[in-house]
Amino acid sequence: MDSRKTTQDSAEKQARKARLAEQLRANLQKRKAQARARRTGEADNRPEGIEAAKK
């Protein structure tokens, strides 16, 4: 029974880690877009994120 629980905990930790990593990437892209917009003085119309990171 303990091995089953540790497997489940491990899966939950991996899922949480992946979810947090995705949120971090999205936040970074948003901040980069904001910085570009401030630098040029206009809104940034580039697509969100990097294609390689979405795979």
N, C-alpha and C. Protein backbone atom coordinates (compact mmCIF):
# COMPACT_ATOMS: atom_id res chain seq x y z
N MET A 1 0.82 -1.18 0.00
CA MET A 1 0.00 0.00 0.00
C MET A 1 0.87 1.26 0.00
N ASP A 2 1.99 1.24 0.66
CA ASP A 2 2.86 2.40 0.70
C ASP A 2 3.45 2.72 -0.67
N SER A 3 3.80 1.70 -1.44
CA SER A 3 4.36 1.95 -2.76
C SER A 3 3.33 2.59 -3.68
N ARG A 4 2.08 2.23 -3.51
CA ARG A 4 1.02 2.83 -4.33
C ARG A 4 0.88 4.32 -4.00
N LYS A 5 0.95 4.64 -2.72
CA LYS A 5 0.83 6.04 -2.29
C LYS A 5 2.01 6.87 -2.80
N THR A 6 3.21 6.34 -2.72
CA THR A 6 4.38 7.10 -3.18
C THR A 6 4.33 7.29 -4.69
N THR A 7 3.80 6.32 -5.42
CA THR A 7 3.64 6.47 -6.87
C THR A 7 2.64 7.57 -7.17
N GLN A 8 1.56 7.59 -6.43
CA GLN A 8 0.53 8.62 -6.63
C GLN A 8 1.10 9.99 -6.26
N ASP A 9 1.82 10.07 -5.15
CA ASP A 9 2.43 11.34 -4.74
C ASP A 9 3.42 11.82 -5.79
N SER A 10 4.19 10.89 -6.32
CA SER A 10 5.17 11.24 -7.34
C SER A 10 4.48 11.78 -8.59
N ALA A 11 3.40 11.15 -9.00
CA ALA A 11 2.65 11.60 -10.19
C ALA A 11 2.06 12.98 -9.94
N GLU A 12 1.54 13.20 -8.74
CA GLU A 12 0.97 14.51 -8.40
C GLU A 12 2.05 15.58 -8.40
N LYS A 13 3.22 15.25 -7.87
CA LYS A 13 4.33 16.21 -7.85
C LYS A 13 4.78 16.55 -9.26
N GLN A 14 4.85 15.55 -10.12
CA GLN A 14 5.26 15.80 -11.51
C GLN A 14 4.22 16.65 -12.24
N ALA A 15 2.94 16.37 -12.00
CA ALA A 15 1.88 17.16 -12.63
C ALA A 15 1.93 18.61 -12.15
N ARG A 16 2.15 18.79 -10.87
CA ARG A 16 2.24 20.15 -10.31
C ARG A 16 3.45 20.87 -10.88
N LYS A 17 4.57 20.18 -10.96
CA LYS A 17 5.78 20.78 -11.50
C LYS A 17 5.58 21.21 -12.96
N ALA A 18 4.94 20.36 -13.75
CA ALA A 18 4.67 20.68 -15.15
C ALA A 18 3.72 21.87 -15.26
N ARG A 19 2.69 21.89 -14.41
CA ARG A 19 1.72 22.99 -14.43
C ARG A 19 2.39 24.31 -14.06
N LEU A 20 3.23 24.30 -13.04
CA LEU A 20 3.94 25.51 -12.62
C LEU A 20 4.92 25.97 -13.69
N ALA A 21 5.57 25.03 -14.35
CA ALA A 21 6.50 25.39 -15.42
C ALA A 21 5.76 26.07 -16.57
N GLU A 22 4.59 25.56 -16.91
CA GLU A 22 3.78 26.16 -17.98
C GLU A 22 3.34 27.57 -17.59
N GLN A 23 2.93 27.74 -16.35
CA GLN A 23 2.51 29.07 -15.89
C GLN A 23 3.69 30.04 -15.90
N LEU A 24 4.86 29.55 -15.53
CA LEU A 24 6.06 30.39 -15.54
C LEU A 24 6.40 30.83 -16.95
N ARG A 25 6.33 29.89 -17.91
CA ARG A 25 6.60 30.24 -19.31
C ARG A 25 5.62 31.28 -19.82
N ALA A 26 4.34 31.10 -19.49
CA ALA A 26 3.31 32.05 -19.94
C ALA A 26 3.55 33.44 -19.33
N ASN A 27 3.90 33.46 -18.06
CA ASN A 27 4.17 34.74 -17.40
C ASN A 27 5.40 35.42 -18.01
N LEU A 28 6.42 34.65 -18.29
CA LEU A 28 7.63 35.21 -18.90
C LEU A 28 7.33 35.80 -20.27
N GLN A 29 6.55 35.09 -21.07
CA GLN A 29 6.18 35.61 -22.39
C GLN A 29 5.37 36.89 -22.28
N LYS A 30 4.47 36.93 -21.31
CA LYS A 30 3.65 38.13 -21.10
C LYS A 30 4.54 39.31 -20.71
N ARG A 31 5.47 39.08 -19.80
CA ARG A 31 6.36 40.16 -19.37
C ARG A 31 7.26 40.62 -20.50
N LYS A 32 7.73 39.70 -21.33
CA LYS A 32 8.55 40.08 -22.48
C LYS A 32 7.75 40.94 -23.45
N ALA A 33 6.49 40.57 -23.68
CA ALA A 33 5.62 41.35 -24.57
C ALA A 33 5.40 42.75 -24.01
N GLN A 34 5.21 42.84 -22.70
CA GLN A 34 5.03 44.14 -22.08
C GLN A 34 6.28 44.99 -22.22
N ALA A 35 7.44 44.38 -22.03
CA ALA A 35 8.70 45.12 -22.16
C ALA A 35 8.91 45.61 -23.59
N ARG A 36 8.57 44.75 -24.56
CA ARG A 36 8.71 45.17 -25.97
C ARG A 36 7.76 46.32 -26.28
N ALA A 37 6.54 46.25 -25.74
CA ALA A 37 5.55 47.30 -25.99
C ALA A 37 6.02 48.63 -25.38
N ARG A 38 6.59 48.57 -24.19
CA ARG A 38 7.10 49.80 -23.56
C ARG A 38 8.27 50.38 -24.36
N ARG A 39 9.10 49.51 -24.85
CA ARG A 39 10.29 49.95 -25.58
C ARG A 39 9.91 50.63 -26.89
N THR A 40 8.90 50.11 -27.59
CA THR A 40 8.52 50.67 -28.89
C THR A 40 7.39 51.69 -28.77
N GLY A 41 6.70 51.71 -27.63
CA GLY A 41 5.62 52.65 -27.44
C GLY A 41 4.31 52.22 -28.03
N GLU A 42 4.18 50.96 -28.46
CA GLU A 42 2.92 50.47 -29.02
C GLU A 42 2.68 49.03 -28.56
N ALA A 43 1.48 48.58 -28.76
CA ALA A 43 1.12 47.22 -28.35
C ALA A 43 1.88 46.19 -29.17
N ASP A 44 2.17 45.07 -28.55
CA ASP A 44 2.89 43.99 -29.21
C ASP A 44 1.88 43.02 -29.81
N ASN A 45 1.94 42.81 -31.12
CA ASN A 45 0.99 41.94 -31.81
C ASN A 45 1.56 40.57 -32.14
N ARG A 46 2.67 40.21 -31.55
CA ARG A 46 3.28 38.90 -31.82
C ARG A 46 2.47 37.80 -31.16
N PRO A 47 2.53 36.59 -31.72
CA PRO A 47 1.81 35.48 -31.08
C PRO A 47 2.44 35.15 -29.73
N GLU A 48 1.61 34.68 -28.83
CA GLU A 48 2.08 34.35 -27.48
C GLU A 48 2.94 33.09 -27.49
N GLY A 49 4.02 33.13 -26.77
CA GLY A 49 4.85 31.95 -26.52
C GLY A 49 5.75 31.54 -27.66
N ILE A 50 6.55 30.57 -27.38
CA ILE A 50 7.48 29.99 -28.34
C ILE A 50 6.91 28.65 -28.78
N GLU A 51 6.91 28.39 -30.07
CA GLU A 51 6.33 27.14 -30.59
C GLU A 51 6.98 25.91 -29.98
N ALA A 52 8.30 25.93 -29.82
CA ALA A 52 9.00 24.77 -29.27
C ALA A 52 8.59 24.48 -27.83
N ALA A 53 8.25 25.52 -27.08
CA ALA A 53 7.87 25.35 -25.69
C ALA A 53 6.46 24.78 -25.54
N LYS A 54 5.65 24.87 -26.58
CA LYS A 54 4.27 24.39 -26.51
C LYS A 54 4.15 22.91 -26.80
N LYS A 55 5.22 22.26 -27.22
CA LYS A 55 5.17 20.83 -27.54
C LYS A 55 5.15 19.99 -26.31
